[in-house]
Amino acid sequence: MGRGKIEIKRIENTTNRQVTFSKRRQGLLKKAHELAVLCDAQLGLVIFSHSGKLFEYCSPSSSMRQIIDRYQKATNIRIEEAGSQHQILCEISKLRNENDKLQAGMRQYMGEDLTALTAHDLDQLEEQLEYSVNKVRARKLLHQQLENLRRKEHLLEDQNSHLYHALVEQQAAMEHQHQQAAAAAEAEQKVSEIPVLEFPHFYHDEASRTFLQLSPQLHPFRLQPTQPNLQDTSFGGHGLQLW
């Protein structure tokens, strides 16, 4: 099985980046030496690490200056050797000193290499550490407050949702009650619009009621058949005949 392809990008982890740089630097220097010896080639290799440390290689049969001169003749580029080289060396030295100071400061923050520090340096280191601790605590408190506000926001959202659903249900119930009240009012209005049949008062007073009552003084009318033999002569009074 072949090796998997590695994505070519900057390694974020400092330790892994340093290990990879050391391995690939040794491999590159080895390849340059093999190329110069096997093929009788003149080559120069200059490497600066991320900390500013210089690594170089040139073929055994020549020097770095000869290779640079030959490069200038081939490309028609002149390099200010005196000033540029001095400036480059100063810049390298400056970067190297800054890197050494930063690494020493990191070790001191970790509690290492404290024997060379004076009492004043230790006081300054303590103040810096206290300032850093207070800053970390303030940031941690800020994160806690932010988390509390987020939880409170979620609670308020839940309460808002609950109140919204309750309001919707209440509005639906009120609308239903209004509809029922409107239907009842409409039904009552329809009932009120039905015409009322008023009957005349046949009995206005007690005298008229007694007048219409059948009294024994009134002679009753009798229906008699037209046949003479069916007439009853024993009954007196008035009779009505059918013919």
Protein backbone atom coordinates (compact mmCIF):
# COMPACT_ATOMS: atom_id res chain seq x y z
CA MET A 1 0.00 0.00 0.00
CA GLY A 2 1.29 3.43 -0.92
CA ARG A 3 1.49 6.35 1.43
CA GLY A 4 -1.48 8.68 1.55
CA LYS A 5 -1.19 12.14 0.09
CA ILE A 6 -0.51 14.91 2.60
CA GLU A 7 -2.24 18.22 2.12
CA ILE A 8 0.38 20.91 1.55
CA LYS A 9 -0.47 23.72 3.93
CA ARG A 10 0.98 25.37 7.00
CA ILE A 11 1.14 23.11 10.05
CA GLU A 12 -0.65 24.86 12.92
CA ASN A 13 0.86 22.82 15.74
CA THR A 14 4.24 24.31 16.67
CA THR A 15 5.80 21.02 17.77
CA ASN A 16 4.70 19.15 14.67
CA ARG A 17 5.86 22.00 12.46
CA GLN A 18 9.33 21.97 14.07
CA VAL A 19 9.63 18.19 13.72
CA THR A 20 8.53 18.30 10.08
CA PHE A 21 10.97 21.14 9.34
CA SER A 22 13.89 19.22 10.86
CA LYS A 23 13.12 16.03 8.93
CA ARG A 24 12.55 17.69 5.57
CA ARG A 25 15.57 19.98 6.01
CA GLN A 26 17.84 16.97 6.53
CA GLY A 27 16.28 15.27 3.52
CA LEU A 28 16.72 18.37 1.36
CA LEU A 29 20.36 18.79 2.36
CA LYS A 30 20.98 15.11 1.67
CA LYS A 31 19.39 15.37 -1.79
CA ALA A 32 21.45 18.48 -2.56
CA HIS A 33 24.67 16.70 -1.57
CA GLU A 34 23.77 13.67 -3.68
CA LEU A 35 22.97 15.88 -6.65
CA ALA A 36 26.27 17.76 -6.33
CA VAL A 37 28.41 14.59 -5.97
CA LEU A 38 26.69 12.27 -8.41
CA CYS A 39 26.13 14.80 -11.15
CA ASP A 40 29.15 17.05 -10.50
CA ALA A 41 26.80 20.05 -10.19
CA GLN A 42 27.48 23.36 -8.51
CA LEU A 43 24.64 24.36 -6.25
CA GLY A 44 23.97 26.50 -3.22
CA LEU A 45 21.18 26.02 -0.75
CA VAL A 46 20.08 28.64 1.81
CA ILE A 47 17.38 27.89 4.40
CA PHE A 48 15.92 30.13 7.09
CA SER A 49 13.69 28.54 9.70
CA HIS A 50 10.56 30.24 11.11
CA SER A 51 12.68 31.34 14.10
CA GLY A 52 15.25 32.99 11.78
CA LYS A 53 17.97 30.34 12.06
CA LEU A 54 20.15 30.00 8.96
CA PHE A 55 21.03 26.71 7.26
CA GLU A 56 23.12 26.57 4.09
CA TYR A 57 24.88 24.10 1.79
CA CYS A 58 27.09 24.44 -1.26
CA SER A 59 28.72 21.88 -3.50
CA PRO A 60 32.15 20.60 -2.30
CA SER A 61 34.01 21.88 -5.37
CA SER A 62 32.89 25.52 -4.91
CA SER A 63 31.94 28.10 -2.31
CA MET A 64 28.77 30.05 -1.71
CA ARG A 65 30.35 33.26 -2.99
CA GLN A 66 31.42 31.61 -6.26
CA ILE A 67 27.93 30.26 -6.75
CA ILE A 68 26.40 33.72 -6.07
CA ASP A 69 28.85 35.38 -8.53
CA ARG A 70 28.02 32.84 -11.18
CA TYR A 71 24.32 33.44 -10.50
CA GLN A 72 24.81 37.21 -10.94
CA LYS A 73 26.60 36.71 -14.26
CA ALA A 74 23.94 34.36 -15.53
CA THR A 75 21.04 36.62 -14.56
CA ASN A 76 22.74 40.02 -14.90
CA ILE A 77 21.71 40.90 -11.35
CA ARG A 78 24.14 42.74 -9.11
CA ILE A 79 23.85 42.31 -5.38
CA GLU A 80 25.21 44.87 -2.98
CA GLU A 81 27.44 42.48 -1.13
CA ALA A 82 28.81 44.73 1.56
CA GLY A 83 25.72 46.70 2.60
CA SER A 84 23.13 44.03 1.84
CA GLN A 85 25.04 41.27 3.54
CA HIS A 86 25.63 43.41 6.63
CA GLN A 87 21.97 44.44 6.70
CA ILE A 88 20.84 40.86 6.30
CA LEU A 89 23.14 39.71 9.08
CA CYS A 90 21.89 42.47 11.37
CA GLU A 91 18.30 41.59 10.64
CA ILE A 92 19.01 37.93 11.27
CA SER A 93 20.73 38.74 14.53
CA LYS A 94 17.86 40.97 15.61
CA LEU A 95 15.27 38.35 14.84
CA ARG A 96 17.32 35.71 16.58
CA ASN A 97 17.63 37.84 19.73
CA GLU A 98 13.90 38.55 19.77
CA ASN A 99 13.18 34.88 19.34
CA ASP A 100 15.53 34.00 22.20
CA LYS A 101 13.86 36.58 24.44
CA LEU A 102 10.40 35.30 23.62
CA GLN A 103 11.40 31.70 24.29
CA ALA A 104 13.09 32.69 27.57
CA GLY A 105 10.00 34.65 28.61
CA MET A 106 7.79 31.66 27.82
CA ARG A 107 9.99 29.41 29.92
CA GLN A 108 9.89 31.91 32.78
CA TYR A 109 6.10 32.11 32.59
CA MET A 110 6.10 28.32 32.88
CA GLY A 111 8.27 28.52 36.02
CA GLU A 112 11.56 27.55 34.37
CA ASP A 113 14.97 29.30 34.23
CA LEU A 114 14.22 31.60 37.17
CA THR A 115 17.68 31.39 38.75
CA ALA A 116 19.13 34.19 36.62
CA LEU A 117 16.35 36.68 37.54
CA THR A 118 16.79 39.37 40.15
CA ALA A 119 14.25 40.34 42.77
CA HIS A 120 13.03 43.22 40.61
CA ASP A 121 12.63 40.88 37.63
CA LEU A 122 10.69 38.45 39.78
CA ASP A 123 8.40 41.27 40.97
CA GLN A 124 7.74 42.30 37.37
CA LEU A 125 7.11 38.69 36.42
CA GLU A 126 4.67 38.34 39.32
CA GLU A 127 2.82 41.50 38.26
CA GLN A 128 2.58 40.27 34.71
CA LEU A 129 1.28 36.92 35.87
CA GLU A 130 -1.29 38.57 38.14
CA TYR A 131 -2.38 40.84 35.31
CA SER A 132 -2.69 37.84 33.00
CA VAL A 133 -4.65 35.86 35.62
CA ASN A 134 -7.03 38.78 36.22
CA LYS A 135 -7.51 39.15 32.50
CA VAL A 136 -8.25 35.44 32.15
CA ARG A 137 -10.71 35.60 35.06
CA ALA A 138 -12.45 38.61 33.57
CA ARG A 139 -12.77 36.85 30.24
CA LYS A 140 -14.05 33.70 31.97
CA LEU A 141 -16.61 35.78 33.89
CA LEU A 142 -17.63 37.43 30.66
CA HIS A 143 -18.17 34.01 29.08
CA GLN A 144 -20.25 32.89 32.07
CA GLN A 145 -22.40 36.02 31.85
CA LEU A 146 -22.80 35.42 28.15
CA GLU A 147 -23.92 31.84 28.79
CA ASN A 148 -26.39 33.05 31.44
CA LEU A 149 -27.80 35.59 29.01
CA ARG A 150 -28.17 32.91 26.36
CA ARG A 151 -30.03 30.63 28.79
CA LYS A 152 -32.24 33.55 29.82
CA GLU A 153 -32.88 34.27 26.16
CA HIS A 154 -34.00 30.66 25.61
CA LEU A 155 -36.30 30.85 28.66
CA LEU A 156 -37.83 34.11 27.44
CA GLU A 157 -38.35 32.61 24.00
CA ASP A 158 -40.17 29.64 25.55
CA GLN A 159 -42.34 31.94 27.67
CA ASN A 160 -43.08 34.10 24.68
CA SER A 161 -44.11 31.06 22.66
CA HIS A 162 -46.33 29.81 25.50
CA LEU A 163 -47.99 33.23 25.89
CA TYR A 164 -48.47 33.48 22.15
CA HIS A 165 -50.27 30.12 21.99
CA ALA A 166 -52.39 31.06 25.01
CA LEU A 167 -53.32 34.37 23.39
CA VAL A 168 -54.24 32.63 20.15
CA GLU A 169 -56.47 30.17 22.04
CA GLN A 170 -58.11 33.01 23.99
CA GLN A 171 -58.75 34.96 20.80
CA ALA A 172 -60.26 31.84 19.20
CA ALA A 173 -62.54 31.33 22.25
CA MET A 174 -63.63 34.98 22.22
CA GLU A 175 -64.31 34.81 18.50
CA HIS A 176 -66.41 31.68 19.07
CA GLN A 177 -68.37 33.44 21.83
CA HIS A 178 -68.94 36.45 19.56
CA GLN A 179 -70.18 34.16 16.82
CA GLN A 180 -72.59 32.45 19.22
CA ALA A 181 -73.83 35.82 20.53
CA ALA A 182 -74.29 37.08 16.97
CA ALA A 183 -76.20 33.92 16.02
CA ALA A 184 -78.44 34.28 19.09
CA ALA A 185 -79.09 37.96 18.33
CA GLU A 186 -79.91 37.12 14.72
CA ALA A 187 -82.31 34.38 15.80
CA GLU A 188 -83.98 36.74 18.28
CA GLN A 189 -84.32 39.37 15.58
CA LYS A 190 -85.93 36.87 13.20
CA VAL A 191 -88.39 35.85 15.90
CA SER A 192 -89.25 39.50 16.61
CA GLU A 193 -89.93 40.08 12.90
CA ILE A 194 -92.66 37.36 12.75
CA PRO A 195 -96.11 39.14 12.62
CA VAL A 196 -98.36 38.58 15.64
CA LEU A 197 -101.99 37.64 14.84
CA GLU A 198 -104.28 39.66 17.02
CA PHE A 199 -107.76 38.23 17.50
CA PRO A 200 -110.66 40.57 18.30
CA HIS A 201 -111.96 40.50 21.76
CA PHE A 202 -115.27 38.78 21.67
CA TYR A 203 -115.84 39.26 25.32
CA HIS A 204 -115.36 42.81 26.39
CA ASP A 205 -117.06 42.64 29.69
CA GLU A 206 -119.02 40.42 31.96
CA ALA A 207 -122.36 41.58 30.53
CA SER A 208 -121.47 40.61 26.98
CA ARG A 209 -120.24 37.21 28.14
CA THR A 210 -123.52 36.55 29.96
CA PHE A 211 -125.48 37.78 27.00
CA LEU A 212 -123.95 35.21 24.71
CA GLN A 213 -124.50 32.37 27.12
CA LEU A 214 -127.31 30.02 26.34
CA SER A 215 -130.11 30.79 28.69
CA PRO A 216 -133.22 28.72 29.34
CA GLN A 217 -135.48 31.60 28.28
CA LEU A 218 -134.37 31.34 24.65
CA HIS A 219 -136.48 29.02 22.55
CA PRO A 220 -134.36 26.41 20.89
CA PHE A 221 -134.65 25.84 17.19
CA ARG A 222 -135.39 22.34 16.00
CA LEU A 223 -134.68 20.73 12.68
CA GLN A 224 -137.64 18.80 11.28
CA PRO A 225 -137.71 16.56 8.26
CA THR A 226 -139.94 17.41 5.31
CA GLN A 227 -141.91 14.23 5.58
CA PRO A 228 -145.16 14.91 7.38
CA ASN A 229 -145.27 11.54 9.06
CA LEU A 230 -141.90 12.18 10.74
CA GLN A 231 -142.97 15.39 12.31
CA ASP A 232 -143.44 15.28 15.98
CA THR A 233 -146.40 17.39 16.92
CA SER A 234 -145.73 17.00 20.57
CA PHE A 235 -142.81 19.38 20.45
CA GLY A 236 -143.69 22.99 20.50
CA GLY A 237 -141.77 25.97 19.48
CA HIS A 238 -140.26 26.98 16.28
CA GLY A 239 -138.71 24.47 13.92
CA LEU A 240 -136.51 24.58 10.86
CA GLN A 241 -137.41 22.44 7.90
CA LEU A 242 -134.99 20.95 5.43
CA TRP A 243 -136.13 20.57 1.81
